[in-house]
N, C-alpha and C. Protein backbone atom coordinates (compact mmCIF):
# COMPACT_ATOMS: atom_id res chain seq x y z
N MET A 1 -102.03 14.08 -120.10
CA MET A 1 -101.90 12.68 -120.13
C MET A 1 -103.28 12.63 -119.73
N ILE A 2 -103.50 11.41 -121.03
CA ILE A 2 -105.35 10.82 -120.27
C ILE A 2 -105.37 10.00 -118.99
N THR A 3 -104.11 9.38 -118.28
CA THR A 3 -104.19 9.15 -117.22
C THR A 3 -103.88 9.67 -115.75
N GLU A 4 -104.33 11.32 -116.39
CA GLU A 4 -104.40 12.60 -115.68
C GLU A 4 -105.95 12.67 -114.85
N PHE A 5 -106.61 12.34 -115.86
CA PHE A 5 -108.01 12.19 -116.32
C PHE A 5 -108.91 10.91 -115.39
N HIS A 6 -109.02 11.15 -114.17
CA HIS A 6 -109.82 10.56 -113.36
C HIS A 6 -110.78 10.09 -113.16
N GLN A 7 -112.11 11.47 -113.65
CA GLN A 7 -113.27 11.30 -113.43
C GLN A 7 -113.89 11.18 -114.24
N THR A 8 -113.23 10.79 -115.37
CA THR A 8 -113.41 10.46 -116.34
C THR A 8 -114.75 9.89 -117.30
N SER A 9 -116.21 10.24 -117.48
CA SER A 9 -117.21 9.46 -117.31
C SER A 9 -117.49 8.51 -118.79
N GLY A 10 -116.88 9.18 -120.03
CA GLY A 10 -116.70 8.17 -121.11
C GLY A 10 -115.73 8.91 -121.76
N ILE A 11 -115.25 7.89 -123.04
CA ILE A 11 -114.58 8.61 -124.14
C ILE A 11 -115.30 8.57 -125.36
N LYS A 12 -115.17 9.44 -126.93
CA LYS A 12 -115.40 9.74 -127.80
C LYS A 12 -114.86 9.73 -128.59
N VAL A 13 -114.17 8.55 -129.35
CA VAL A 13 -113.15 9.36 -130.19
C VAL A 13 -114.00 9.14 -132.03
N TYR A 14 -114.23 10.14 -132.22
CA TYR A 14 -114.41 10.06 -133.59
C TYR A 14 -114.09 11.19 -135.10
N ASN A 15 -114.07 9.93 -136.17
CA ASN A 15 -112.75 10.58 -137.41
C ASN A 15 -111.89 10.51 -137.29
N SER A 16 -111.50 9.31 -136.72
CA SER A 16 -109.97 10.27 -136.23
C SER A 16 -109.00 9.10 -136.67
N THR A 17 -107.72 9.55 -136.52
CA THR A 17 -106.73 8.13 -136.54
C THR A 17 -105.91 8.14 -135.29
N ILE A 18 -105.62 6.80 -134.89
CA ILE A 18 -105.41 6.89 -133.51
C ILE A 18 -103.61 5.83 -133.93
N ASP A 19 -102.87 6.81 -134.15
CA ASP A 19 -100.84 6.27 -134.71
C ASP A 19 -100.21 5.02 -133.62
N SER A 20 -100.83 6.00 -131.85
CA SER A 20 -100.36 4.80 -130.64
C SER A 20 -100.43 5.34 -129.81
N TRP A 21 -101.76 4.58 -128.77
CA TRP A 21 -101.87 4.55 -127.65
C TRP A 21 -101.72 3.14 -126.94
N GLY A 22 -100.63 3.33 -126.45
CA GLY A 22 -99.52 2.18 -125.86
C GLY A 22 -100.06 2.38 -124.04
N PHE A 23 -99.54 1.65 -123.69
CA PHE A 23 -99.72 0.67 -122.13
C PHE A 23 -99.81 2.07 -121.28
N SER A 24 -98.84 3.21 -121.45
CA SER A 24 -98.52 3.93 -120.37
C SER A 24 -99.31 5.22 -120.53
N ALA A 25 -100.13 5.09 -121.42
CA ALA A 25 -101.10 6.08 -121.90
C ALA A 25 -102.94 5.08 -122.25
N ALA A 26 -102.34 4.06 -120.89
CA ALA A 26 -103.39 3.07 -120.83
C ALA A 26 -104.79 3.11 -120.29
N ILE A 27 -106.25 2.91 -120.84
CA ILE A 27 -106.98 3.41 -119.90
C ILE A 27 -107.39 1.96 -119.28
N THR A 28 -107.61 2.39 -117.76
CA THR A 28 -107.46 1.83 -116.35
C THR A 28 -107.86 1.43 -115.17
N ASN A 29 -108.44 0.78 -114.66
CA ASN A 29 -109.17 1.10 -113.39
C ASN A 29 -108.68 1.89 -112.37
N THR A 30 -106.97 1.43 -112.61
CA THR A 30 -106.70 2.38 -111.27
C THR A 30 -106.91 4.29 -111.30
N ASN A 31 -106.59 3.69 -112.87
CA ASN A 31 -106.72 5.83 -113.54
C ASN A 31 -108.10 6.02 -113.98
N HIS A 32 -109.12 5.50 -114.17
CA HIS A 32 -110.58 5.68 -114.73
C HIS A 32 -111.62 5.10 -114.11
N PRO A 33 -111.38 5.19 -112.95
CA PRO A 33 -112.57 4.18 -112.19
C PRO A 33 -114.34 4.63 -112.44
N GLU A 34 -114.55 5.68 -112.82
CA GLU A 34 -115.86 6.21 -113.10
C GLU A 34 -115.84 6.01 -114.55
N LEU A 35 -114.94 5.15 -116.02
CA LEU A 35 -115.38 4.92 -117.11
C LEU A 35 -116.34 4.29 -117.20
N GLY A 36 -117.64 5.00 -118.21
CA GLY A 36 -118.76 3.73 -118.24
C GLY A 36 -118.92 3.61 -120.09
N PHE A 37 -118.18 4.90 -120.95
CA PHE A 37 -117.90 4.37 -122.29
C PHE A 37 -117.70 4.46 -122.89
N LEU A 38 -117.00 3.17 -124.00
CA LEU A 38 -116.19 4.10 -124.67
C LEU A 38 -116.65 3.93 -126.40
N PHE A 39 -116.63 5.22 -127.61
CA PHE A 39 -117.26 5.07 -128.61
C PHE A 39 -116.06 4.94 -129.41
N MET A 40 -115.43 4.38 -130.84
CA MET A 40 -114.62 4.79 -131.64
C MET A 40 -115.54 4.23 -132.46
N ILE A 41 -115.70 5.58 -133.40
CA ILE A 41 -116.48 5.98 -134.41
C ILE A 41 -116.20 6.21 -135.85
N ARG A 42 -115.86 5.81 -136.63
CA ARG A 42 -115.04 6.15 -138.30
C ARG A 42 -113.57 6.26 -137.47
N VAL A 43 -113.23 5.21 -136.95
CA VAL A 43 -111.20 5.69 -136.51
C VAL A 43 -110.54 4.30 -137.11
N ASN A 44 -110.00 4.83 -137.51
CA ASN A 44 -108.59 4.23 -138.19
C ASN A 44 -107.45 3.62 -137.24
N VAL A 45 -106.85 2.49 -137.06
CA VAL A 45 -105.99 2.78 -135.62
C VAL A 45 -104.43 2.11 -136.91
N THR A 46 -103.38 1.79 -136.55
CA THR A 46 -102.02 1.67 -137.03
C THR A 46 -101.90 0.20 -136.97
N ASP A 47 -102.22 -0.80 -138.27
CA ASP A 47 -101.66 -1.26 -138.71
C ASP A 47 -103.38 -2.47 -139.28
N GLY A 48 -104.32 -1.94 -138.16
CA GLY A 48 -105.56 -2.37 -138.12
C GLY A 48 -105.93 -2.90 -137.13
N VAL A 49 -104.81 -3.03 -135.63
CA VAL A 49 -105.24 -3.51 -134.44
C VAL A 49 -105.49 -2.83 -133.73
N LEU A 50 -106.04 -3.50 -132.72
CA LEU A 50 -106.35 -2.67 -131.55
C LEU A 50 -104.47 -2.23 -130.68
N PRO A 51 -105.12 -1.15 -130.17
CA PRO A 51 -103.83 -0.39 -129.47
C PRO A 51 -104.10 -1.03 -128.52
N PRO A 52 -102.57 -1.00 -127.52
CA PRO A 52 -102.58 -1.26 -126.59
C PRO A 52 -103.13 -0.91 -125.50
N GLY A 53 -103.06 0.30 -125.67
CA GLY A 53 -104.06 1.56 -124.42
C GLY A 53 -105.13 0.79 -124.04
N LEU A 54 -105.41 0.39 -124.74
CA LEU A 54 -107.72 -0.07 -124.75
C LEU A 54 -107.64 -2.19 -124.21
N HIS A 55 -106.45 -2.29 -123.79
CA HIS A 55 -106.53 -3.67 -123.61
C HIS A 55 -106.00 -3.67 -122.00
N ASP A 56 -105.39 -3.33 -121.83
CA ASP A 56 -104.73 -2.87 -120.16
C ASP A 56 -104.91 -4.52 -119.52
N ALA A 57 -104.72 -5.27 -119.17
CA ALA A 57 -104.74 -6.14 -118.24
C ALA A 57 -105.51 -5.33 -116.83
N ASP A 58 -105.81 -4.12 -116.10
CA ASP A 58 -106.09 -3.02 -114.78
C ASP A 58 -107.38 -2.39 -116.11
N PHE A 59 -108.48 -2.79 -116.87
CA PHE A 59 -109.26 -2.80 -117.70
C PHE A 59 -110.33 -2.12 -116.25
N PRO A 60 -110.85 -0.52 -116.58
CA PRO A 60 -112.06 -0.35 -115.77
C PRO A 60 -113.20 -1.43 -115.68
N ASN A 61 -113.47 -1.25 -114.59
CA ASN A 61 -114.90 -2.03 -113.92
C ASN A 61 -116.58 -1.27 -114.37
N ASN A 62 -115.87 -0.01 -114.37
CA ASN A 62 -117.53 0.54 -114.83
C ASN A 62 -117.67 0.21 -115.87
N LEU A 63 -116.41 0.22 -116.89
CA LEU A 63 -116.84 0.45 -118.15
C LEU A 63 -118.41 -0.81 -119.24
N TYR A 64 -119.30 -0.30 -118.69
CA TYR A 64 -120.48 -1.13 -119.70
C TYR A 64 -120.59 -0.85 -120.77
N ASP A 65 -120.27 0.39 -121.88
CA ASP A 65 -120.76 0.04 -122.74
C ASP A 65 -119.21 0.44 -123.94
N ILE A 66 -118.74 -0.81 -124.67
CA ILE A 66 -117.95 -0.26 -125.74
C ILE A 66 -118.37 -0.55 -127.69
N GLU A 67 -118.11 0.34 -127.98
CA GLU A 67 -118.78 0.25 -129.23
C GLU A 67 -118.03 1.35 -130.36
N ILE A 68 -117.32 -0.43 -131.05
CA ILE A 68 -116.14 0.37 -132.34
C ILE A 68 -117.10 -0.08 -133.66
N CYS A 69 -117.33 1.12 -134.49
CA CYS A 69 -118.03 1.23 -135.91
C CYS A 69 -116.96 1.78 -136.83
N TYR A 70 -117.28 1.50 -137.61
CA TYR A 70 -116.63 2.33 -139.23
C TYR A 70 -115.82 2.20 -138.95
N SER A 71 -114.42 1.31 -138.92
CA SER A 71 -113.12 1.17 -138.09
C SER A 71 -112.54 0.60 -139.53
N ASN A 72 -111.01 0.25 -139.36
CA ASN A 72 -110.21 -0.43 -140.15
C ASN A 72 -109.25 -1.30 -139.42
N LEU A 73 -110.33 -1.48 -138.24
CA LEU A 73 -109.88 -2.65 -137.37
C LEU A 73 -109.97 -4.48 -137.85
N ARG A 74 -108.96 -5.23 -137.57
CA ARG A 74 -108.71 -5.92 -138.59
C ARG A 74 -108.26 -7.76 -137.70
N GLU A 75 -108.12 -7.10 -136.29
CA GLU A 75 -107.92 -8.28 -135.33
C GLU A 75 -108.46 -7.66 -134.27
N LEU A 76 -108.53 -8.98 -133.04
CA LEU A 76 -108.12 -8.23 -131.55
C LEU A 76 -107.98 -8.47 -131.48
N PRO A 77 -107.13 -9.36 -129.91
CA PRO A 77 -106.25 -9.42 -129.51
C PRO A 77 -106.94 -11.35 -129.26
N ASP A 78 -105.98 -12.43 -128.66
CA ASP A 78 -106.40 -13.87 -128.46
C ASP A 78 -107.43 -13.66 -127.17
N ASP A 79 -106.77 -12.83 -126.17
CA ASP A 79 -107.22 -12.66 -124.84
C ASP A 79 -108.37 -11.32 -124.41
N LEU A 80 -109.05 -11.02 -125.23
CA LEU A 80 -109.34 -9.94 -124.95
C LEU A 80 -110.96 -10.24 -124.24
N ASP A 81 -111.18 -11.65 -124.43
CA ASP A 81 -112.81 -11.76 -123.56
C ASP A 81 -112.09 -11.30 -122.14
N SER A 82 -111.16 -12.07 -121.47
CA SER A 82 -110.58 -12.13 -120.27
C SER A 82 -110.08 -10.63 -119.71
N ILE A 83 -109.94 -10.18 -120.57
CA ILE A 83 -109.63 -8.44 -120.03
C ILE A 83 -110.76 -7.72 -120.20
N TRP A 84 -111.63 -7.63 -121.40
CA TRP A 84 -112.70 -6.54 -121.56
C TRP A 84 -113.35 -7.24 -120.89
N MET A 85 -114.40 -8.10 -120.51
CA MET A 85 -115.52 -9.36 -120.25
C MET A 85 -115.36 -9.42 -118.21
N VAL A 86 -114.03 -9.24 -118.00
CA VAL A 86 -114.09 -9.34 -116.46
C VAL A 86 -113.62 -8.09 -115.83
N GLY A 87 -112.92 -7.60 -116.25
CA GLY A 87 -112.63 -6.11 -116.00
C GLY A 87 -113.90 -5.39 -116.02
N THR A 88 -114.92 -5.53 -116.97
CA THR A 88 -116.38 -4.74 -117.20
C THR A 88 -117.18 -5.41 -116.28
N MET A 89 -117.92 -4.63 -116.40
CA MET A 89 -119.60 -4.84 -115.25
C MET A 89 -120.48 -5.86 -116.18
N SER A 90 -120.80 -7.18 -115.58
CA SER A 90 -121.64 -7.89 -116.06
C SER A 90 -122.75 -7.67 -117.01
N THR A 91 -123.44 -6.46 -116.87
CA THR A 91 -124.47 -5.73 -118.34
C THR A 91 -124.04 -4.66 -119.57
N ALA A 92 -122.32 -5.20 -119.69
CA ALA A 92 -121.53 -5.02 -120.30
C ALA A 92 -122.11 -4.39 -121.85
N ASN A 93 -122.31 -3.57 -122.94
CA ASN A 93 -122.68 -3.88 -123.79
C ASN A 93 -121.11 -3.82 -125.06
N LEU A 94 -121.27 -4.70 -125.70
CA LEU A 94 -119.85 -4.76 -126.89
C LEU A 94 -120.67 -4.76 -128.55
N ILE A 95 -120.27 -3.89 -128.72
CA ILE A 95 -120.92 -3.39 -130.26
C ILE A 95 -119.30 -3.31 -131.51
N VAL A 96 -119.38 -4.74 -132.08
CA VAL A 96 -118.55 -3.83 -133.29
C VAL A 96 -119.74 -4.25 -134.82
N SER A 97 -119.02 -2.84 -135.41
CA SER A 97 -119.75 -2.93 -136.37
C SER A 97 -118.57 -2.47 -137.94
N HIS A 98 -119.27 -2.54 -139.34
CA HIS A 98 -118.38 -2.19 -140.36
C HIS A 98 -116.61 -2.45 -139.63
N LEU A 99 -115.89 -3.19 -139.60
CA LEU A 99 -114.94 -3.57 -139.35
C LEU A 99 -114.30 -4.23 -140.37
N GLN A 100 -112.91 -4.36 -140.66
CA GLN A 100 -112.70 -4.61 -141.99
C GLN A 100 -111.90 -5.91 -141.33
N TYR A 101 -112.48 -6.45 -140.33
CA TYR A 101 -112.30 -7.85 -139.49
C TYR A 101 -111.91 -8.77 -140.62
N GLN A 102 -110.70 -9.60 -139.74
CA GLN A 102 -110.54 -11.23 -141.27
C GLN A 102 -110.66 -12.46 -140.12
N THR A 103 -111.62 -13.62 -139.83
CA THR A 103 -111.40 -14.22 -139.35
C THR A 103 -110.13 -15.60 -139.49
């Protein structure tokens, strides 16, 4: 399970479908203190919603680069800024492009 990989420096998900990624397998500062980047390229998520495991309240403090491109992601949680930007380094990059985002 992903929670056992405590020294992971980055996660790349490419050309995949994420059927579920729940809080029990969340990326967290407790389990992933060295995580520096998260790339999701050409990834489909269930119902076009960011999986719960990617916005746990204990978000990794060292995560400085989040990139989501070419995804069916349609919406983001309303409180995402309080989770991602508080937990991440102040110099964090957040890049989202080519989504099916609805305003």
